[in-house]
N, C-alpha and C. Protein backbone atom coordinates (compact mmCIF):
# COMPACT_ATOMS: atom_id res chain seq x y z
N MET A 1 -3.07 -0.52 -4.45
CA MET A 1 -4.30 -0.40 -5.19
C MET A 1 -4.26 0.87 -6.03
N ILE A 2 -4.64 0.75 -7.27
CA ILE A 2 -4.68 1.91 -8.16
C ILE A 2 -6.07 2.54 -8.06
N CYS A 3 -6.09 3.84 -7.91
CA CYS A 3 -7.35 4.57 -7.79
C CYS A 3 -7.36 5.68 -8.83
N TYR A 4 -8.44 5.76 -9.57
CA TYR A 4 -8.58 6.78 -10.60
C TYR A 4 -9.62 7.80 -10.20
N VAL A 5 -9.40 9.04 -10.55
CA VAL A 5 -10.35 10.11 -10.25
C VAL A 5 -10.65 10.84 -11.54
N VAL A 6 -11.93 11.05 -11.79
CA VAL A 6 -12.36 11.84 -12.93
C VAL A 6 -13.02 13.09 -12.37
N VAL A 7 -12.47 14.23 -12.72
CA VAL A 7 -13.03 15.50 -12.24
C VAL A 7 -14.13 15.92 -13.20
N ASP A 8 -15.34 15.93 -12.71
CA ASP A 8 -16.50 16.30 -13.50
C ASP A 8 -16.42 17.77 -13.92
N THR A 9 -17.01 18.09 -15.04
CA THR A 9 -17.00 19.46 -15.54
C THR A 9 -17.63 20.42 -14.54
N ASN A 10 -18.64 19.97 -13.82
CA ASN A 10 -19.29 20.82 -12.82
C ASN A 10 -18.32 21.21 -11.70
N VAL A 11 -17.47 20.29 -11.31
CA VAL A 11 -16.46 20.58 -10.28
C VAL A 11 -15.46 21.59 -10.81
N LEU A 12 -15.01 21.39 -12.03
CA LEU A 12 -14.06 22.30 -12.66
C LEU A 12 -14.63 23.71 -12.75
N VAL A 13 -15.82 23.85 -13.28
CA VAL A 13 -16.45 25.17 -13.44
C VAL A 13 -16.70 25.82 -12.08
N SER A 14 -17.20 25.03 -11.14
CA SER A 14 -17.45 25.56 -9.80
C SER A 14 -16.18 26.08 -9.15
N ALA A 15 -15.09 25.34 -9.30
CA ALA A 15 -13.80 25.77 -8.73
C ALA A 15 -13.32 27.06 -9.39
N LEU A 16 -13.48 27.15 -10.69
CA LEU A 16 -13.02 28.34 -11.40
C LEU A 16 -13.84 29.58 -11.08
N LEU A 17 -15.12 29.38 -10.77
CA LEU A 17 -16.00 30.51 -10.46
C LEU A 17 -16.00 30.87 -8.97
N SER A 18 -15.45 30.01 -8.14
CA SER A 18 -15.49 30.22 -6.70
C SER A 18 -14.64 31.42 -6.27
N LYS A 19 -15.15 32.15 -5.33
CA LYS A 19 -14.41 33.28 -4.76
C LYS A 19 -13.70 32.89 -3.46
N LYS A 20 -13.92 31.67 -3.00
CA LYS A 20 -13.34 31.20 -1.75
C LYS A 20 -12.21 30.22 -2.03
N ASP A 21 -11.04 30.49 -1.48
CA ASP A 21 -9.89 29.61 -1.66
C ASP A 21 -10.04 28.29 -0.92
N ASP A 22 -10.91 28.26 0.11
CA ASP A 22 -11.06 27.04 0.89
C ASP A 22 -12.27 26.21 0.45
N ALA A 23 -12.91 26.58 -0.66
CA ALA A 23 -14.03 25.80 -1.17
C ALA A 23 -13.55 24.40 -1.55
N ALA A 24 -14.39 23.41 -1.32
CA ALA A 24 -14.00 22.03 -1.60
C ALA A 24 -13.64 21.81 -3.06
N THR A 25 -14.38 22.43 -3.97
CA THR A 25 -14.08 22.26 -5.39
C THR A 25 -12.73 22.85 -5.75
N VAL A 26 -12.39 23.97 -5.13
CA VAL A 26 -11.08 24.59 -5.37
C VAL A 26 -9.98 23.68 -4.84
N GLN A 27 -10.20 23.09 -3.68
CA GLN A 27 -9.21 22.18 -3.10
C GLN A 27 -9.00 20.95 -3.98
N VAL A 28 -10.09 20.40 -4.51
CA VAL A 28 -9.98 19.23 -5.39
C VAL A 28 -9.16 19.58 -6.63
N LEU A 29 -9.52 20.66 -7.28
CA LEU A 29 -8.82 21.05 -8.50
C LEU A 29 -7.35 21.36 -8.22
N SER A 30 -7.08 22.04 -7.13
CA SER A 30 -5.71 22.38 -6.75
C SER A 30 -4.87 21.13 -6.54
N LYS A 31 -5.44 20.13 -5.87
CA LYS A 31 -4.69 18.90 -5.60
C LYS A 31 -4.45 18.09 -6.86
N VAL A 32 -5.41 18.10 -7.77
CA VAL A 32 -5.23 17.39 -9.04
C VAL A 32 -4.11 18.05 -9.83
N ILE A 33 -4.13 19.38 -9.90
CA ILE A 33 -3.12 20.11 -10.67
C ILE A 33 -1.73 19.95 -10.05
N SER A 34 -1.65 19.98 -8.72
CA SER A 34 -0.35 19.89 -8.06
C SER A 34 0.19 18.46 -7.96
N GLY A 35 -0.64 17.48 -8.31
CA GLY A 35 -0.17 16.10 -8.27
C GLY A 35 -0.45 15.38 -6.98
N GLU A 36 -1.16 16.00 -6.06
CA GLU A 36 -1.50 15.37 -4.77
C GLU A 36 -2.76 14.54 -4.92
N ARG A 37 -2.73 13.59 -5.80
CA ARG A 37 -3.93 12.84 -6.12
C ARG A 37 -4.43 11.97 -4.97
N GLU A 38 -3.57 11.62 -4.04
CA GLU A 38 -4.00 10.80 -2.91
C GLU A 38 -5.02 11.54 -2.06
N ASP A 39 -4.93 12.87 -2.01
CA ASP A 39 -5.82 13.66 -1.18
C ASP A 39 -7.12 14.05 -1.88
N VAL A 40 -7.24 13.72 -3.14
CA VAL A 40 -8.44 14.12 -3.90
C VAL A 40 -9.68 13.43 -3.34
N VAL A 41 -9.56 12.17 -2.98
CA VAL A 41 -10.71 11.44 -2.46
C VAL A 41 -11.20 12.10 -1.17
N GLY A 42 -10.29 12.52 -0.33
CA GLY A 42 -10.67 13.21 0.90
C GLY A 42 -11.35 14.53 0.62
N SER A 43 -10.89 15.25 -0.40
CA SER A 43 -11.52 16.50 -0.77
C SER A 43 -12.92 16.28 -1.31
N TYR A 44 -13.08 15.23 -2.11
CA TYR A 44 -14.41 14.90 -2.62
C TYR A 44 -15.34 14.53 -1.47
N LYS A 45 -14.82 13.82 -0.50
CA LYS A 45 -15.64 13.46 0.66
C LYS A 45 -16.09 14.72 1.39
N SER A 46 -15.18 15.66 1.57
CA SER A 46 -15.52 16.93 2.19
C SER A 46 -16.58 17.67 1.40
N LEU A 47 -16.44 17.67 0.08
CA LEU A 47 -17.41 18.32 -0.79
C LEU A 47 -18.78 17.68 -0.64
N MET A 48 -18.83 16.37 -0.63
CA MET A 48 -20.11 15.66 -0.50
C MET A 48 -20.75 15.90 0.86
N GLU A 49 -19.94 15.99 1.90
CA GLU A 49 -20.49 16.27 3.23
C GLU A 49 -21.13 17.66 3.27
N LYS A 50 -20.52 18.64 2.60
CA LYS A 50 -21.09 19.99 2.55
C LYS A 50 -22.39 20.00 1.74
N VAL A 51 -22.42 19.27 0.65
CA VAL A 51 -23.60 19.23 -0.21
C VAL A 51 -24.77 18.56 0.49
N MET A 52 -24.49 17.53 1.27
CA MET A 52 -25.54 16.74 1.90
C MET A 52 -26.14 17.42 3.13
N ARG A 53 -25.58 18.52 3.58
CA ARG A 53 -26.12 19.22 4.76
C ARG A 53 -27.40 19.92 4.46
């Protein structure tokens, strides 16, 4: 199955402004840049779980 991910501008800006290396947005951006696209969905899930708390 082919899966596409679009990184929203808010995620990009949040990752760039973040001071924490373990922030979910930083992890998403890092995985997209490094080519680990399979793990991006998991990172987004982690991000959404943090937001929904």
